């Protein structure tokens, strides 16, 4: 029984090599596309993380201001608050 490689003609081997080269080139292109997509997504993630941090900071500042305003409100007797 012959090995598959021995049974192939040079033309068949060349066709297989061409197919492997073509597939490798497609895989390299796909890798480049995915690398670019990943970089863009990382930029978006960084921007959104920065925006989230800014919003959290603004929220904390607003809460602090509201707490300070609440502290400045005059005390009301219990009878007035229940009506």
N, C-alpha and C. Protein backbone atom coordinates (compact mmCIF):
# COMPACT_ATOMS: atom_id res chain seq x y z
N UNK A 1 0.85 -1.18 0.00
CA UNK A 1 0.00 0.00 0.00
C UNK A 1 0.89 1.24 0.00
N UNK A 2 0.58 2.15 -0.91
CA UNK A 2 1.41 3.34 -1.04
C UNK A 2 0.91 4.45 -0.13
N UNK A 3 1.82 5.29 0.31
CA UNK A 3 1.50 6.49 1.08
C UNK A 3 0.79 7.48 0.17
N UNK A 4 -0.14 8.27 0.70
CA UNK A 4 -0.88 9.25 -0.11
C UNK A 4 0.06 10.23 -0.80
N UNK A 5 1.13 10.63 -0.14
CA UNK A 5 2.06 11.58 -0.73
C UNK A 5 2.78 10.99 -1.93
N UNK A 6 3.04 9.72 -1.89
CA UNK A 6 3.72 9.08 -3.02
C UNK A 6 2.79 8.91 -4.20
N UNK A 7 1.50 8.78 -3.95
CA UNK A 7 0.54 8.55 -5.02
C UNK A 7 0.16 9.83 -5.74
N UNK A 8 0.47 10.96 -5.18
CA UNK A 8 0.08 12.22 -5.81
C UNK A 8 1.06 12.60 -6.92
N UNK A 9 0.48 13.20 -7.94
CA UNK A 9 1.32 13.71 -9.02
C UNK A 9 1.82 15.09 -8.62
N UNK A 10 2.86 15.55 -9.28
CA UNK A 10 3.34 16.91 -8.98
C UNK A 10 2.24 17.96 -9.17
N UNK A 11 1.37 17.78 -10.12
CA UNK A 11 0.29 18.74 -10.35
C UNK A 11 -0.67 18.74 -9.17
N UNK A 12 -0.97 17.56 -8.62
CA UNK A 12 -1.86 17.47 -7.46
C UNK A 12 -1.22 18.13 -6.24
N UNK A 13 0.06 17.87 -6.06
CA UNK A 13 0.76 18.47 -4.93
C UNK A 13 0.81 19.98 -5.07
N UNK A 14 1.04 20.45 -6.28
CA UNK A 14 1.07 21.89 -6.53
C UNK A 14 -0.30 22.51 -6.25
N UNK A 15 -1.37 21.83 -6.63
CA UNK A 15 -2.72 22.32 -6.39
C UNK A 15 -2.99 22.39 -4.88
N UNK A 16 -2.53 21.37 -4.15
CA UNK A 16 -2.71 21.38 -2.70
C UNK A 16 -1.93 22.52 -2.05
N UNK A 17 -0.73 22.73 -2.50
CA UNK A 17 0.11 23.81 -1.96
C UNK A 17 -0.55 25.16 -2.26
N UNK A 18 -1.06 25.33 -3.49
CA UNK A 18 -1.75 26.57 -3.84
C UNK A 18 -2.98 26.79 -2.96
N UNK A 19 -3.70 25.71 -2.67
CA UNK A 19 -4.89 25.83 -1.81
C UNK A 19 -4.48 26.23 -0.39
N UNK A 20 -3.39 25.66 0.11
CA UNK A 20 -2.91 26.01 1.45
C UNK A 20 -2.45 27.47 1.48
N UNK A 21 -1.76 27.89 0.44
CA UNK A 21 -1.30 29.29 0.36
C UNK A 21 -2.50 30.23 0.34
N UNK A 22 -3.50 29.91 -0.47
CA UNK A 22 -4.69 30.75 -0.57
C UNK A 22 -5.41 30.84 0.79
N UNK A 23 -5.56 29.70 1.44
CA UNK A 23 -6.23 29.69 2.75
C UNK A 23 -5.41 30.48 3.78
N UNK A 24 -4.11 30.33 3.75
CA UNK A 24 -3.24 31.06 4.67
C UNK A 24 -3.36 32.56 4.45
N UNK A 25 -3.39 32.99 3.19
CA UNK A 25 -3.54 34.41 2.89
C UNK A 25 -4.89 34.93 3.39
N UNK A 26 -5.96 34.14 3.22
CA UNK A 26 -7.28 34.55 3.72
C UNK A 26 -7.27 34.65 5.24
N UNK A 27 -6.62 33.70 5.89
CA UNK A 27 -6.53 33.73 7.35
C UNK A 27 -5.74 34.95 7.83
N UNK A 28 -4.68 35.29 7.13
CA UNK A 28 -3.90 36.48 7.50
C UNK A 28 -4.72 37.75 7.35
N UNK A 29 -5.47 37.85 6.25
CA UNK A 29 -6.34 39.01 6.05
C UNK A 29 -7.39 39.09 7.14
N UNK A 30 -7.99 37.95 7.48
CA UNK A 30 -9.00 37.93 8.54
C UNK A 30 -8.38 38.34 9.87
N UNK A 31 -7.18 37.87 10.13
CA UNK A 31 -6.48 38.24 11.37
C UNK A 31 -6.25 39.76 11.42
N UNK A 32 -5.83 40.34 10.30
CA UNK A 32 -5.62 41.80 10.25
C UNK A 32 -6.93 42.54 10.49
N UNK A 33 -8.03 42.07 9.89
CA UNK A 33 -9.33 42.70 10.10
C UNK A 33 -9.74 42.63 11.56
N UNK A 34 -9.57 41.46 12.16
CA UNK A 34 -9.95 41.30 13.56
C UNK A 34 -9.07 42.13 14.49
N UNK A 35 -7.80 42.27 14.13
CA UNK A 35 -6.90 43.11 14.92
C UNK A 35 -7.34 44.56 14.87
N UNK A 36 -7.70 45.05 13.68
CA UNK A 36 -8.20 46.43 13.55
C UNK A 36 -9.51 46.61 14.32
N UNK A 37 -10.42 45.64 14.18
CA UNK A 37 -11.70 45.71 14.88
C UNK A 37 -11.47 45.73 16.38
N UNK A 38 -10.57 44.89 16.85
CA UNK A 38 -10.26 44.85 18.28
C UNK A 38 -9.72 46.19 18.76
N UNK A 39 -8.84 46.79 17.99
CA UNK A 39 -8.27 48.09 18.37
C UNK A 39 -9.36 49.16 18.45
N UNK A 40 -10.27 49.16 17.47
CA UNK A 40 -11.37 50.12 17.49
C UNK A 40 -12.28 49.90 18.70
N UNK A 41 -12.57 48.64 18.99
CA UNK A 41 -13.42 48.34 20.14
C UNK A 41 -12.73 48.74 21.44
N UNK A 42 -11.42 48.56 21.52
CA UNK A 42 -10.68 48.96 22.72
C UNK A 42 -10.74 50.47 22.90
N UNK A 43 -10.62 51.22 21.79
CA UNK A 43 -10.75 52.68 21.86
C UNK A 43 -12.14 53.08 22.36
N UNK A 44 -13.17 52.41 21.85
CA UNK A 44 -14.53 52.71 22.29
C UNK A 44 -14.70 52.38 23.77
N UNK A 45 -14.16 51.25 24.19
CA UNK A 45 -14.25 50.87 25.59
C UNK A 45 -13.55 51.89 26.48
N UNK A 46 -12.37 52.34 26.06
CA UNK A 46 -11.65 53.35 26.83
C UNK A 46 -12.46 54.64 26.94
N UNK A 47 -13.04 55.07 25.81
CA UNK A 47 -13.83 56.30 25.81
C UNK A 47 -15.07 56.17 26.71
N UNK A 48 -15.74 55.02 26.61
CA UNK A 48 -16.93 54.81 27.44
C UNK A 48 -16.58 54.69 28.91
N UNK A 49 -15.46 54.08 29.21
CA UNK A 49 -15.02 53.98 30.60
C UNK A 49 -14.72 55.36 31.17
N UNK A 50 -14.08 56.19 30.35
CA UNK A 50 -13.79 57.56 30.78
C UNK A 50 -15.09 58.33 31.00
N UNK A 51 -16.03 58.18 30.08
CA UNK A 51 -17.32 58.87 30.21
C UNK A 51 -18.05 58.39 31.47
N UNK A 52 -18.03 57.07 31.71
CA UNK A 52 -18.67 56.53 32.92
C UNK A 52 -18.04 57.11 34.18
N UNK A 53 -16.71 57.16 34.21
CA UNK A 53 -16.02 57.70 35.38
C UNK A 53 -16.37 59.18 35.60
N UNK A 54 -16.46 59.93 34.51
CA UNK A 54 -16.84 61.34 34.59
C UNK A 54 -18.26 61.49 35.14
N UNK A 55 -19.18 60.67 34.63
CA UNK A 55 -20.57 60.73 35.09
C UNK A 55 -20.68 60.32 36.56
N UNK A 56 -19.91 59.31 36.97
CA UNK A 56 -19.92 58.91 38.38
C UNK A 56 -19.41 60.03 39.27
N UNK A 57 -18.39 60.72 38.81
CA UNK A 57 -17.84 61.84 39.57
C UNK A 57 -18.85 62.97 39.67
N UNK A 58 -19.51 63.28 38.57
CA UNK A 58 -20.54 64.33 38.58
C UNK A 58 -21.71 63.95 39.48
N UNK A 59 -22.09 62.67 39.46
CA UNK A 59 -23.17 62.20 40.32
C UNK A 59 -22.79 62.35 41.79
N UNK A 60 -21.57 61.98 42.13
CA UNK A 60 -21.11 62.11 43.51
C UNK A 60 -21.11 63.57 43.95
N UNK A 61 -20.68 64.46 43.06
CA UNK A 61 -20.67 65.89 43.38
C UNK A 61 -22.10 66.40 43.57
N UNK A 62 -23.01 65.97 42.72
CA UNK A 62 -24.41 66.40 42.83
C UNK A 62 -25.02 65.88 44.13
N UNK A 63 -24.73 64.64 44.48
CA UNK A 63 -25.24 64.09 45.75
C UNK A 63 -24.71 64.89 46.93
N UNK A 64 -23.45 65.24 46.86
CA UNK A 64 -22.83 66.01 47.93
C UNK A 64 -23.52 67.37 48.08
N UNK A 65 -23.79 68.01 46.95
CA UNK A 65 -24.48 69.31 46.99
C UNK A 65 -25.89 69.16 47.55
N UNK A 66 -26.59 68.12 47.15
CA UNK A 66 -27.95 67.89 47.65
C UNK A 66 -27.92 67.63 49.16
N UNK A 67 -26.97 66.79 49.59
CA UNK A 67 -26.84 66.53 51.03
C UNK A 67 -26.57 67.83 51.80
N UNK A 68 -25.73 68.69 51.24
CA UNK A 68 -25.43 69.96 51.90
C UNK A 68 -26.68 70.84 51.96
N UNK A 69 -27.47 70.85 50.90
CA UNK A 69 -28.72 71.62 50.90
C UNK A 69 -29.71 71.06 51.91
N UNK A 70 -29.81 69.76 52.01
CA UNK A 70 -30.72 69.13 52.97
C UNK A 70 -30.31 69.50 54.39
N UNK A 71 -29.01 69.53 54.63
CA UNK A 71 -28.51 69.91 55.96
C UNK A 71 -28.90 71.35 56.31
N UNK A 72 -29.02 72.18 55.31
CA UNK A 72 -29.35 73.60 55.55
C UNK A 72 -30.84 73.84 55.77
N UNK A 73 -31.66 72.85 55.45
CA UNK A 73 -33.11 73.01 55.65
C UNK A 73 -33.40 73.13 57.14
N UNK A 74 -34.35 74.00 57.46
CA UNK A 74 -34.70 74.14 58.89
C UNK A 74 -35.40 72.88 59.40
N UNK A 75 -35.22 72.61 60.67
CA UNK A 75 -35.88 71.48 61.30
C UNK A 75 -37.36 71.79 61.39
N UNK A 76 -38.20 70.84 61.08
CA UNK A 76 -39.65 71.03 61.20
C UNK A 76 -40.17 70.17 62.34
N UNK A 77 -41.12 70.70 63.10
CA UNK A 77 -41.70 69.89 64.17
C UNK A 77 -42.39 68.66 63.59
N UNK A 78 -42.48 67.62 64.36
CA UNK A 78 -43.07 66.34 63.91
C UNK A 78 -44.53 66.51 63.50
N UNK A 79 -45.27 67.39 64.12
CA UNK A 79 -46.69 67.58 63.81
C UNK A 79 -46.87 68.13 62.40
N UNK A 80 -45.97 69.00 61.97
CA UNK A 80 -46.09 69.59 60.62
C UNK A 80 -45.74 68.58 59.53
N UNK A 81 -44.83 67.71 59.78
CA UNK A 81 -44.41 66.77 58.75
C UNK A 81 -45.43 65.66 58.54
N UNK A 82 -46.29 65.37 59.53
CA UNK A 82 -47.25 64.29 59.38
C UNK A 82 -48.54 64.74 58.70
N UNK A 83 -48.77 66.03 58.51
CA UNK A 83 -50.03 66.49 57.90
C UNK A 83 -50.02 66.45 56.42
